[in-house]
Amino acid sequence: YGVPTTLFRAVDSEDGHVCALRRVDGSLRATGEEVSMVARPWLGVQHPNIVELRGAFVSDEMEEGTPRAFFVHDFCAGAVTLESAIFVRIEAEAPSEAELWSLALQLLSAAFALHSMGMSCRGMEPARILLTGGQRVRLHGSVVLDLTRPDTRPLADQQRDDLASLGRLLVNLACRSPGAASSKALPRSLELMAASCSPDLVHLANTLARGTTMAEVMPLVSARLFDHAIAVQAQADALREAHRANLEASRLARLLIKLGFVNERPELAGDPSWAETGDRYLL
């Protein structure tokens, strides 16, 4: 983010929901009006691949006399950053092609939503992409960059940079090297990527990394959208079946508990008509 930040697990005093509270540290000082102005466009963004912003404020409660900017996001339990999962862990392996396609489609979906609202992702760095279970990825923290590193370039340039950073991310992940997509290393990295990935994926990564627009990218991924939709629906069916099984199990448990109250009533003090040897034994 360009400045130090601290992340807290907090509980909302109004509704009791757990949230992620990020404090902007360092020498940056912002007024409540500045923070509200930065956060306002993001408060209405709801997307399955973007961590939702719940609020933003300035407070000096943690450090009296030193007001800090705070951003409140949804809490994603068990989430890890893409940087930590792929580049930091020594035992980690490079993602498979199917995983790269899934990641690319999800992040393109997030970028498309933001671009349609006249906003930008502020790049797609692996440290700001969360893995939140299965193959779901979520972009987070873009609003913090709008405060700490405001970008005054034309929106079209910012959106083009979003797609270029996604292309570089795909190359870095495929080669499992954070520097694989640098300007000098990119040609060689694409050759290495071609050895384990399909030409379609290599072409997509190259097109994105060299700068393009969303309209030019969509034809490159249209065929893969069917596979992604099938996978999403299959996962939804599996979750629905698991939910149905748990629902039936809970119904059976409730029935057994109710019958137990009928079968053994302590207030009857061992009355044989209610004991296991009495008329209610059939229950």
C-alpha atoms as a PDB file:
ATOM      1  CA  TYR A   1       0.000   0.000   0.000  1.00  0.00           C
ATOM      2  CA  GLY A   2       3.005   2.300   0.078  1.00  0.00           C
ATOM      3  CA  VAL A   3       2.658   2.855   3.849  1.00  0.00           C
ATOM      4  CA  PRO A   4       2.531   0.456   6.813  1.00  0.00           C
ATOM      5  CA  THR A   5      -0.900  -0.929   7.684  1.00  0.00           C
ATOM      6  CA  THR A   6      -2.169  -3.154  10.488  1.00  0.00           C
ATOM      7  CA  LEU A   7      -4.972  -5.680  10.099  1.00  0.00           C
ATOM      8  CA  PHE A   8      -7.268  -6.558  13.026  1.00  0.00           C
ATOM      9  CA  ARG A   9     -10.007  -9.099  13.525  1.00  0.00           C
ATOM     10  CA  ALA A  10     -12.837  -7.051  15.002  1.00  0.00           C
ATOM     11  CA  VAL A  11     -16.478  -7.429  16.009  1.00  0.00           C
ATOM     12  CA  ASP A  12     -19.065  -4.869  14.943  1.00  0.00           C
ATOM     13  CA  SER A  13     -20.688  -3.429  18.077  1.00  0.00           C
ATOM     14  CA  GLU A  14     -23.960  -2.818  16.211  1.00  0.00           C
ATOM     15  CA  ASP A  15     -24.698  -6.236  14.670  1.00  0.00           C
ATOM     16  CA  GLY A  16     -22.062  -8.507  16.263  1.00  0.00           C
ATOM     17  CA  HIS A  17     -20.621  -9.568  12.902  1.00  0.00           C
ATOM     18  CA  VAL A  18     -16.909 -10.313  12.640  1.00  0.00           C
ATOM     19  CA  CYS A  19     -15.072  -8.015  10.252  1.00  0.00           C
ATOM     20  CA  ALA A  20     -11.561  -7.216   9.076  1.00  0.00           C
ATOM     21  CA  LEU A  21     -10.371  -3.818  10.293  1.00  0.00           C
ATOM     22  CA  ARG A  22      -7.349  -2.318   8.517  1.00  0.00           C
ATOM     23  CA  ARG A  23      -5.579   0.661  10.080  1.00  0.00           C
ATOM     24  CA  VAL A  24      -3.386   2.902   7.944  1.00  0.00           C
ATOM     25  CA  ASP A  25      -0.204   3.652   9.898  1.00  0.00           C
ATOM     26  CA  GLY A  26       2.907   5.639   9.076  1.00  0.00           C
ATOM     27  CA  SER A  27       3.063   9.365   8.527  1.00  0.00           C
ATOM     28  CA  LEU A  28      -0.093   9.533   6.392  1.00  0.00           C
ATOM     29  CA  ARG A  29      -2.751  11.773   7.926  1.00  0.00           C
ATOM     30  CA  ALA A  30      -6.212  11.946   6.388  1.00  0.00           C
ATOM     31  CA  THR A  31      -9.366  13.749   7.470  1.00  0.00           C
ATOM     32  CA  GLY A  32     -12.695  12.027   7.868  1.00  0.00           C
ATOM     33  CA  GLU A  33     -13.959  13.831   4.769  1.00  0.00           C
ATOM     34  CA  GLU A  34     -11.045  12.562   2.659  1.00  0.00           C
ATOM     35  CA  VAL A  35     -11.550   8.978   3.828  1.00  0.00           C
ATOM     36  CA  SER A  36     -15.301   9.157   3.197  1.00  0.00           C
ATOM     37  CA  MET A  37     -14.747  10.550  -0.297  1.00  0.00           C
ATOM     38  CA  VAL A  38     -12.324   7.739  -1.152  1.00  0.00           C
ATOM     39  CA  ALA A  39     -14.572   5.032   0.294  1.00  0.00           C
ATOM     40  CA  ARG A  40     -17.886   6.231  -1.142  1.00  0.00           C
ATOM     41  CA  PRO A  41     -17.575   4.559  -4.604  1.00  0.00           C
ATOM     42  CA  TRP A  42     -16.520   1.236  -3.030  1.00  0.00           C
ATOM     43  CA  LEU A  43     -19.368   1.038  -0.526  1.00  0.00           C
ATOM     44  CA  GLY A  44     -21.780   0.030  -3.278  1.00  0.00           C
ATOM     45  CA  VAL A  45     -19.590  -2.677  -4.813  1.00  0.00           C
ATOM     46  CA  GLN A  46     -20.923  -6.200  -4.291  1.00  0.00           C
ATOM     47  CA  HIS A  47     -19.230  -8.965  -6.257  1.00  0.00           C
ATOM     48  CA  PRO A  48     -18.331 -12.588  -5.404  1.00  0.00           C
ATOM     49  CA  ASN A  49     -14.680 -11.942  -6.299  1.00  0.00           C
ATOM     50  CA  ILE A  50     -14.259  -8.663  -4.404  1.00  0.00           C
ATOM     51  CA  VAL A  51     -14.082  -8.406  -0.610  1.00  0.00           C
ATOM     52  CA  GLU A  52     -16.878  -6.003   0.254  1.00  0.00           C
ATOM     53  CA  LEU A  53     -16.103  -2.729   1.997  1.00  0.00           C
ATOM     54  CA  ARG A  54     -18.415  -2.180   4.978  1.00  0.00           C
ATOM     55  CA  GLY A  55     -17.261   1.227   6.111  1.00  0.00           C
ATOM     56  CA  ALA A  56     -14.405   3.686   6.613  1.00  0.00           C
ATOM     57  CA  PHE A  57     -13.669   6.241   9.314  1.00  0.00           C
ATOM     58  CA  VAL A  58     -10.960   8.188  11.134  1.00  0.00           C
ATOM     59  CA  SER A  59     -10.360   7.618  14.844  1.00  0.00           C
ATOM     60  CA  ASP A  60      -7.717   8.210  17.503  1.00  0.00           C
ATOM     61  CA  GLU A  61      -9.066   5.676  20.019  1.00  0.00           C
ATOM     62  CA  MET A  62      -6.116   3.312  19.574  1.00  0.00           C
ATOM     63  CA  GLU A  63      -3.531   6.111  19.733  1.00  0.00           C
ATOM     64  CA  GLU A  64      -4.863   9.133  21.568  1.00  0.00           C
ATOM     65  CA  GLY A  65      -4.015  12.323  19.754  1.00  0.00           C
ATOM     66  CA  THR A  66      -3.001  10.466  16.577  1.00  0.00           C
ATOM     67  CA  PRO A  67      -6.020  10.035  14.284  1.00  0.00           C
ATOM     68  CA  ARG A  68      -5.741   7.091  11.880  1.00  0.00           C
ATOM     69  CA  ALA A  69      -7.780   6.017   8.881  1.00  0.00           C
ATOM     70  CA  PHE A  70      -9.625   2.702   9.249  1.00  0.00           C
ATOM     71  CA  PHE A  71     -11.283   0.544   6.595  1.00  0.00           C
ATOM     72  CA  VAL A  72     -13.814  -2.150   7.489  1.00  0.00           C
ATOM     73  CA  HIS A  73     -14.107  -5.155   5.161  1.00  0.00           C
ATOM     74  CA  ASP A  74     -15.879  -8.492   5.264  1.00  0.00           C
ATOM     75  CA  PHE A  75     -13.972 -11.073   7.283  1.00  0.00           C
ATOM     76  CA  CYS A  76     -12.870 -14.097   5.225  1.00  0.00           C
ATOM     77  CA  ALA A  77     -12.058 -16.853   7.718  1.00  0.00           C
ATOM     78  CA  GLY A  78      -9.048 -18.977   6.800  1.00  0.00           C
ATOM     79  CA  ALA A  79      -8.106 -16.824   3.818  1.00  0.00           C
ATOM     80  CA  VAL A  80      -4.492 -16.566   2.667  1.00  0.00           C
ATOM     81  CA  THR A  81      -2.991 -14.252   0.102  1.00  0.00           C
ATOM     82  CA  LEU A  82      -1.989 -15.597  -3.280  1.00  0.00           C
ATOM     83  CA  GLU A  83       1.518 -14.347  -2.571  1.00  0.00           C
ATOM     84  CA  SER A  84       1.757 -16.426   0.596  1.00  0.00           C
ATOM     85  CA  ALA A  85       0.205 -19.544  -0.933  1.00  0.00           C
ATOM     86  CA  ILE A  86       2.347 -19.667  -4.093  1.00  0.00           C
ATOM     87  CA  PHE A  87       5.503 -17.586  -3.734  1.00  0.00           C
ATOM     88  CA  VAL A  88       6.315 -17.748  -0.013  1.00  0.00           C
ATOM     89  CA  ARG A  89       5.680 -21.373   0.867  1.00  0.00           C
ATOM     90  CA  ILE A  90       8.645 -23.470  -0.179  1.00  0.00           C
ATOM     91  CA  GLU A  91       6.590 -26.637  -0.633  1.00  0.00           C
ATOM     92  CA  ALA A  92       4.015 -24.919  -2.853  1.00  0.00           C
ATOM     93  CA  GLU A  93       3.698 -26.000  -6.472  1.00  0.00           C
ATOM     94  CA  ALA A  94       2.834 -23.947  -9.519  1.00  0.00           C
ATOM     95  CA  PRO A  95      -0.931 -23.872 -10.187  1.00  0.00           C
ATOM     96  CA  SER A  96      -2.315 -26.220 -12.816  1.00  0.00           C
ATOM     97  CA  GLU A  97      -3.713 -24.854 -16.060  1.00  0.00           C
ATOM     98  CA  ALA A  98      -7.278 -25.417 -14.855  1.00  0.00           C
ATOM     99  CA  GLU A  99      -6.524 -23.382 -11.728  1.00  0.00           C
ATOM    100  CA  LEU A 100      -4.958 -20.597 -13.799  1.00  0.00           C
ATOM    101  CA  TRP A 101      -8.019 -20.448 -16.047  1.00  0.00           C
ATOM    102  CA  SER A 102     -10.301 -20.312 -13.018  1.00  0.00           C
ATOM    103  CA  LEU A 103      -8.251 -17.516 -11.454  1.00  0.00           C
ATOM    104  CA  ALA A 104      -8.111 -15.559 -14.717  1.00  0.00           C
ATOM    105  CA  LEU A 105     -11.878 -15.781 -15.276  1.00  0.00           C
ATOM    106  CA  GLN A 106     -12.703 -14.766 -11.712  1.00  0.00           C
ATOM    107  CA  LEU A 107     -10.382 -11.765 -11.730  1.00  0.00           C
ATOM    108  CA  LEU A 108     -11.561 -10.737 -15.194  1.00  0.00           C
ATOM    109  CA  SER A 109     -15.101 -10.870 -13.838  1.00  0.00           C
ATOM    110  CA  ALA A 110     -14.115  -8.574 -10.959  1.00  0.00           C
ATOM    111  CA  ALA A 111     -12.317  -6.208 -13.331  1.00  0.00           C
ATOM    112  CA  PHE A 112     -15.274  -6.153 -15.734  1.00  0.00           C
ATOM    113  CA  ALA A 113     -17.641  -5.231 -12.891  1.00  0.00           C
ATOM    114  CA  LEU A 114     -15.418  -2.403 -11.650  1.00  0.00           C
ATOM    115  CA  HIS A 115     -14.680  -1.085 -15.122  1.00  0.00           C
ATOM    116  CA  SER A 116     -18.411  -1.027 -15.866  1.00  0.00           C
ATOM    117  CA  MET A 117     -18.874   1.223 -12.821  1.00  0.00           C
ATOM    118  CA  GLY A 118     -16.166   3.626 -13.952  1.00  0.00           C
ATOM    119  CA  MET A 119     -13.580   2.349 -11.465  1.00  0.00           C
ATOM    120  CA  SER A 120     -10.304   0.427 -11.555  1.00  0.00           C
ATOM    121  CA  CYS A 121      -8.850  -2.464  -9.554  1.00  0.00           C
ATOM    122  CA  ARG A 122      -5.632  -0.520  -8.911  1.00  0.00           C
ATOM    123  CA  GLY A 123      -3.644  -3.481 -10.197  1.00  0.00           C
ATOM    124  CA  MET A 124      -3.780  -7.149  -9.289  1.00  0.00           C
ATOM    125  CA  GLU A 125      -0.890  -7.822  -6.987  1.00  0.00           C
ATOM    126  CA  PRO A 126      -0.709 -11.301  -5.411  1.00  0.00           C
ATOM    127  CA  ALA A 127      -0.515  -9.698  -1.948  1.00  0.00           C
ATOM    128  CA  ARG A 128      -4.009  -8.221  -2.478  1.00  0.00           C
ATOM    129  CA  ILE A 129      -5.680 -11.369  -3.817  1.00  0.00           C
ATOM    130  CA  LEU A 130      -7.164 -13.745  -1.260  1.00  0.00           C
ATOM    131  CA  LEU A 131      -7.741 -17.478  -1.573  1.00  0.00           C
ATOM    132  CA  THR A 132     -10.901 -18.053   0.435  1.00  0.00           C
ATOM    133  CA  GLY A 133     -11.603 -21.765   0.080  1.00  0.00           C
ATOM    134  CA  GLY A 134     -11.642 -24.064  -2.899  1.00  0.00           C
ATOM    135  CA  GLN A 135     -10.615 -22.115  -5.969  1.00  0.00           C
ATOM    136  CA  ARG A 136     -12.408 -18.892  -5.035  1.00  0.00           C
ATOM    137  CA  VAL A 137     -10.251 -15.776  -5.244  1.00  0.00           C
ATOM    138  CA  ARG A 138     -11.185 -12.313  -4.036  1.00  0.00           C
ATOM    139  CA  LEU A 139      -9.591  -8.947  -4.681  1.00  0.00           C
ATOM    140  CA  HIS A 140      -9.254  -6.728  -1.611  1.00  0.00           C
ATOM    141  CA  GLY A 141      -7.690  -3.498  -0.437  1.00  0.00           C
ATOM    142  CA  SER A 142      -8.052  -1.405  -3.603  1.00  0.00           C
ATOM    143  CA  VAL A 143      -9.801   1.334  -1.643  1.00  0.00           C
ATOM    144  CA  VAL A 144      -6.764   1.653   0.651  1.00  0.00           C
ATOM    145  CA  LEU A 145      -4.580   2.374  -2.387  1.00  0.00           C
ATOM    146  CA  ASP A 146      -6.968   5.119  -3.441  1.00  0.00           C
ATOM    147  CA  LEU A 147      -6.054   6.845  -0.168  1.00  0.00           C
ATOM    148  CA  THR A 148      -2.366   6.015   0.155  1.00  0.00           C
ATOM    149  CA  ARG A 149      -1.384   6.163  -3.527  1.00  0.00           C
ATOM    150  CA  PRO A 150      -4.018   8.123  -5.477  1.00  0.00           C
ATOM    151  CA  ASP A 151      -3.789   7.679  -9.251  1.00  0.00           C
ATOM    152  CA  THR A 152      -4.566  10.804 -11.263  1.00  0.00           C
ATOM    153  CA  ARG A 153      -4.060   9.248 -14.695  1.00  0.00           C
ATOM    154  CA  PRO A 154      -6.994   8.897 -17.107  1.00  0.00           C
ATOM    155  CA  LEU A 155      -9.345   6.060 -16.163  1.00  0.00           C
ATOM    156  CA  ALA A 156      -8.703   4.231 -19.444  1.00  0.00           C
ATOM    157  CA  ASP A 157      -4.990   3.989 -18.603  1.00  0.00           C
ATOM    158  CA  GLN A 158      -5.745   2.690 -15.116  1.00  0.00           C
ATOM    159  CA  GLN A 159      -8.091   0.033 -16.485  1.00  0.00           C
ATOM    160  CA  ARG A 160      -5.524  -1.026 -19.065  1.00  0.00           C
ATOM    161  CA  ASP A 161      -3.010  -1.420 -16.247  1.00  0.00           C
ATOM    162  CA  ASP A 162      -5.486  -3.678 -14.420  1.00  0.00           C
ATOM    163  CA  LEU A 163      -5.486  -6.110 -17.325  1.00  0.00           C
ATOM    164  CA  ALA A 164      -1.732  -5.850 -17.818  1.00  0.00           C
ATOM    165  CA  SER A 165      -1.137  -6.680 -14.153  1.00  0.00           C
ATOM    166  CA  LEU A 166      -3.432  -9.715 -14.511  1.00  0.00           C
ATOM    167  CA  GLY A 167      -1.391 -10.924 -17.475  1.00  0.00           C
ATOM    168  CA  ARG A 168       1.835 -10.542 -15.515  1.00  0.00           C
ATOM    169  CA  LEU A 169       0.250 -12.345 -12.580  1.00  0.00           C
ATOM    170  CA  LEU A 170      -0.650 -15.337 -14.766  1.00  0.00           C
ATOM    171  CA  VAL A 171       2.911 -15.559 -16.078  1.00  0.00           C
ATOM    172  CA  ASN A 172       4.396 -15.267 -12.590  1.00  0.00           C
ATOM    173  CA  LEU A 173       2.087 -17.970 -11.270  1.00  0.00           C
ATOM    174  CA  ALA A 174       2.718 -20.338 -14.168  1.00  0.00           C
ATOM    175  CA  CYS A 175       6.490 -19.973 -13.688  1.00  0.00           C
ATOM    176  CA  ARG A 176       6.140 -19.699  -9.872  1.00  0.00           C
ATOM    177  CA  SER A 177       8.455 -16.704  -9.866  1.00  0.00           C
ATOM    178  CA  PRO A 178       7.432 -13.164  -8.851  1.00  0.00           C
ATOM    179  CA  GLY A 179       9.818 -11.708 -11.434  1.00  0.00           C
ATOM    180  CA  ALA A 180       8.978 -13.920 -14.405  1.00  0.00           C
ATOM    181  CA  ALA A 181       6.877 -11.232 -16.102  1.00  0.00           C
ATOM    182  CA  SER A 182       9.449  -8.434 -15.998  1.00  0.00           C
ATOM    183  CA  SER A 183      10.079  -6.760 -19.343  1.00  0.00           C
ATOM    184  CA  LYS A 184      13.392  -8.565 -19.847  1.00  0.00           C
ATOM    185  CA  ALA A 185      12.241 -11.979 -18.650  1.00  0.00           C
ATOM    186  CA  LEU A 186       8.790 -12.043 -20.275  1.00  0.00           C
ATOM    187  CA  PRO A 187       9.741 -13.628 -23.650  1.00  0.00           C
ATOM    188  CA  ARG A 188      11.655 -16.454 -21.966  1.00  0.00           C
ATOM    189  CA  SER A 189       8.936 -16.914 -19.347  1.00  0.00           C
ATOM    190  CA  LEU A 190       6.286 -17.275 -22.064  1.00  0.00           C
ATOM    191  CA  GLU A 191       8.384 -20.010 -23.646  1.00  0.00           C
ATOM    192  CA  LEU A 192       8.567 -21.839 -20.323  1.00  0.00           C
ATOM    193  CA  MET A 193       4.850 -21.338 -19.821  1.00  0.00           C
ATOM    194  CA  ALA A 194       4.140 -22.830 -23.255  1.00  0.00           C
ATOM    195  CA  ALA A 195       5.818 -26.072 -22.183  1.00  0.00           C
ATOM    196  CA  SER A 196       3.125 -26.791 -19.588  1.00  0.00           C
ATOM    197  CA  CYS A 197       0.126 -24.700 -20.673  1.00  0.00           C
ATOM    198  CA  SER A 198      -2.102 -24.612 -23.729  1.00  0.00           C
ATOM    199  CA  PRO A 199      -1.504 -22.049 -26.494  1.00  0.00           C
ATOM    200  CA  ASP A 200      -4.798 -20.371 -25.581  1.00  0.00           C
ATOM    201  CA  LEU A 201      -3.649 -19.610 -22.048  1.00  0.00           C
ATOM    202  CA  VAL A 202      -0.223 -18.444 -23.184  1.00  0.00           C
ATOM    203  CA  HIS A 203      -1.838 -16.176 -25.784  1.00  0.00           C
ATOM    204  CA  LEU A 204      -4.199 -14.741 -23.158  1.00  0.00           C
ATOM    205  CA  ALA A 205      -1.380 -14.032 -20.695  1.00  0.00           C
ATOM    206  CA  ASN A 206       0.767 -12.433 -23.409  1.00  0.00           C
ATOM    207  CA  THR A 207      -2.102 -10.276 -24.695  1.00  0.00           C
ATOM    208  CA  LEU A 208      -2.978  -9.082 -21.205  1.00  0.00           C
ATOM    209  CA  ALA A 209       0.614  -8.418 -20.156  1.00  0.00           C
ATOM    210  CA  ARG A 210       1.333  -6.262 -23.199  1.00  0.00           C
ATOM    211  CA  GLY A 211      -1.726  -4.067 -22.608  1.00  0.00           C
ATOM    212  CA  THR A 212      -5.226  -4.440 -23.995  1.00  0.00           C
ATOM    213  CA  THR A 213      -8.875  -3.624 -23.352  1.00  0.00           C
ATOM    214  CA  MET A 214     -11.714  -5.694 -21.964  1.00  0.00           C
ATOM    215  CA  ALA A 215     -13.412  -5.771 -25.383  1.00  0.00           C
ATOM    216  CA  GLU A 216     -10.313  -7.386 -26.915  1.00  0.00           C
ATOM    217  CA  VAL A 217      -9.970  -9.910 -24.070  1.00  0.00           C
ATOM    218  CA  MET A 218     -13.524 -11.266 -24.026  1.00  0.00           C
ATOM    219  CA  PRO A 219     -13.222 -13.284 -27.292  1.00  0.00           C
ATOM    220  CA  LEU A 220     -10.094 -14.965 -25.888  1.00  0.00           C
ATOM    221  CA  VAL A 221     -11.939 -16.393 -22.866  1.00  0.00           C
ATOM    222  CA  SER A 222     -15.454 -16.953 -24.236  1.00  0.00           C
ATOM    223  CA  ALA A 223     -14.919 -20.670 -24.884  1.00  0.00           C
ATOM    224  CA  ARG A 224     -13.640 -21.231 -21.341  1.00  0.00           C
ATOM    225  CA  LEU A 225     -16.644 -19.540 -19.781  1.00  0.00           C
ATOM    226  CA  PHE A 226     -18.739 -22.647 -20.511  1.00  0.00           C
ATOM    227  CA  ASP A 227     -16.323 -24.878 -18.596  1.00  0.00           C
ATOM    228  CA  HIS A 228     -16.278 -22.402 -15.717  1.00  0.00           C
ATOM    229  CA  ALA A 229     -20.083 -22.221 -15.617  1.00  0.00           C
ATOM    230  CA  ILE A 230     -20.322 -26.032 -15.576  1.00  0.00           C
ATOM    231  CA  ALA A 231     -17.825 -26.248 -12.699  1.00  0.00           C
ATOM    232  CA  VAL A 232     -19.676 -23.597 -10.696  1.00  0.00           C
ATOM    233  CA  GLN A 233     -23.024 -25.334 -11.180  1.00  0.00           C
ATOM    234  CA  ALA A 234     -21.538 -28.727 -10.258  1.00  0.00           C
ATOM    235  CA  GLN A 235     -20.162 -27.222  -7.044  1.00  0.00           C
ATOM    236  CA  ALA A 236     -23.556 -25.656  -6.300  1.00  0.00           C
ATOM    237  CA  ASP A 237     -25.230 -29.054  -6.789  1.00  0.00           C
ATOM    238  CA  ALA A 238     -22.731 -30.693  -4.424  1.00  0.00           C
ATOM    239  CA  LEU A 239     -23.326 -28.039  -1.764  1.00  0.00           C
ATOM    240  CA  ARG A 240     -27.082 -28.366  -2.167  1.00  0.00           C
ATOM    241  CA  GLU A 241     -26.879 -32.136  -1.731  1.00  0.00           C
ATOM    242  CA  ALA A 242     -24.689 -31.765   1.366  1.00  0.00           C
ATOM    243  CA  HIS A 243     -27.162 -29.244   2.770  1.00  0.00           C
ATOM    244  CA  ARG A 244     -30.072 -31.638   2.095  1.00  0.00           C
ATOM    245  CA  ALA A 245     -28.270 -34.489   3.848  1.00  0.00           C
ATOM    246  CA  ASN A 246     -27.524 -32.317   6.886  1.00  0.00           C
ATOM    247  CA  LEU A 247     -31.111 -31.098   6.933  1.00  0.00           C
ATOM    248  CA  GLU A 248     -32.449 -34.663   6.980  1.00  0.00           C
ATOM    249  CA  ALA A 249     -29.973 -35.591   9.719  1.00  0.00           C
ATOM    250  CA  SER A 250     -31.041 -32.616  11.823  1.00  0.00           C
ATOM    251  CA  ARG A 251     -34.707 -33.566  11.399  1.00  0.00           C
ATOM    252  CA  LEU A 252     -33.956 -37.075  12.620  1.00  0.00           C
ATOM    253  CA  ALA A 253     -32.001 -35.705  15.595  1.00  0.00           C
ATOM    254  CA  ARG A 254     -34.890 -33.415  16.567  1.00  0.00           C
ATOM    255  CA  LEU A 255     -37.335 -36.310  16.332  1.00  0.00           C
ATOM    256  CA  LEU A 256     -35.166 -38.500  18.570  1.00  0.00           C
ATOM    257  CA  ILE A 257     -34.798 -35.694  21.112  1.00  0.00           C
ATOM    258  CA  LYS A 258     -38.550 -35.123  21.209  1.00  0.00           C
ATOM    259  CA  LEU A 259     -39.231 -38.847  21.633  1.00  0.00           C
ATOM    260  CA  GLY A 260     -36.643 -38.950  24.394  1.00  0.00           C
ATOM    261  CA  PHE A 261     -38.543 -36.273  26.318  1.00  0.00           C
ATOM    262  CA  VAL A 262     -41.709 -38.318  25.940  1.00  0.00           C
ATOM    263  CA  ASN A 263     -40.019 -41.605  26.789  1.00  0.00           C
ATOM    264  CA  GLU A 264     -38.197 -40.474  29.939  1.00  0.00           C
ATOM    265  CA  ARG A 265     -40.003 -37.756  31.849  1.00  0.00           C
ATOM    266  CA  PRO A 266     -38.018 -37.070  35.027  1.00  0.00           C
ATOM    267  CA  GLU A 267     -40.916 -35.297  36.668  1.00  0.00           C
ATOM    268  CA  LEU A 268     -42.873 -38.597  36.788  1.00  0.00           C
ATOM    269  CA  ALA A 269     -40.275 -40.125  39.127  1.00  0.00           C
ATOM    270  CA  GLY A 270     -39.949 -43.480  37.449  1.00  0.00           C
ATOM    271  CA  ASP A 271     -43.640 -44.119  36.848  1.00  0.00           C
ATOM    272  CA  PRO A 272     -43.686 -47.524  35.082  1.00  0.00           C
ATOM    273  CA  SER A 273     -46.249 -46.252  32.571  1.00  0.00           C
ATOM    274  CA  TRP A 274     -43.559 -43.852  31.272  1.00  0.00           C
ATOM    275  CA  ALA A 275     -40.425 -45.913  31.864  1.00  0.00           C
ATOM    276  CA  GLU A 276     -38.589 -48.080  29.358  1.00  0.00           C
ATOM    277  CA  THR A 277     -40.476 -51.130  30.673  1.00  0.00           C
ATOM    278  CA  GLY A 278     -43.911 -49.536  30.472  1.00  0.00           C
ATOM    279  CA  ASP A 279     -46.410 -48.757  27.757  1.00  0.00           C
ATOM    280  CA  ARG A 280     -44.136 -46.081  26.260  1.00  0.00           C
ATOM    281  CA  TYR A 281     -41.318 -48.570  25.676  1.00  0.00           C
ATOM    282  CA  LEU A 282     -42.376 -48.874  22.010  1.00  0.00           C
ATOM    283  CA  LEU A 283     -41.185 -45.307  21.432  1.00  0.00           C
END
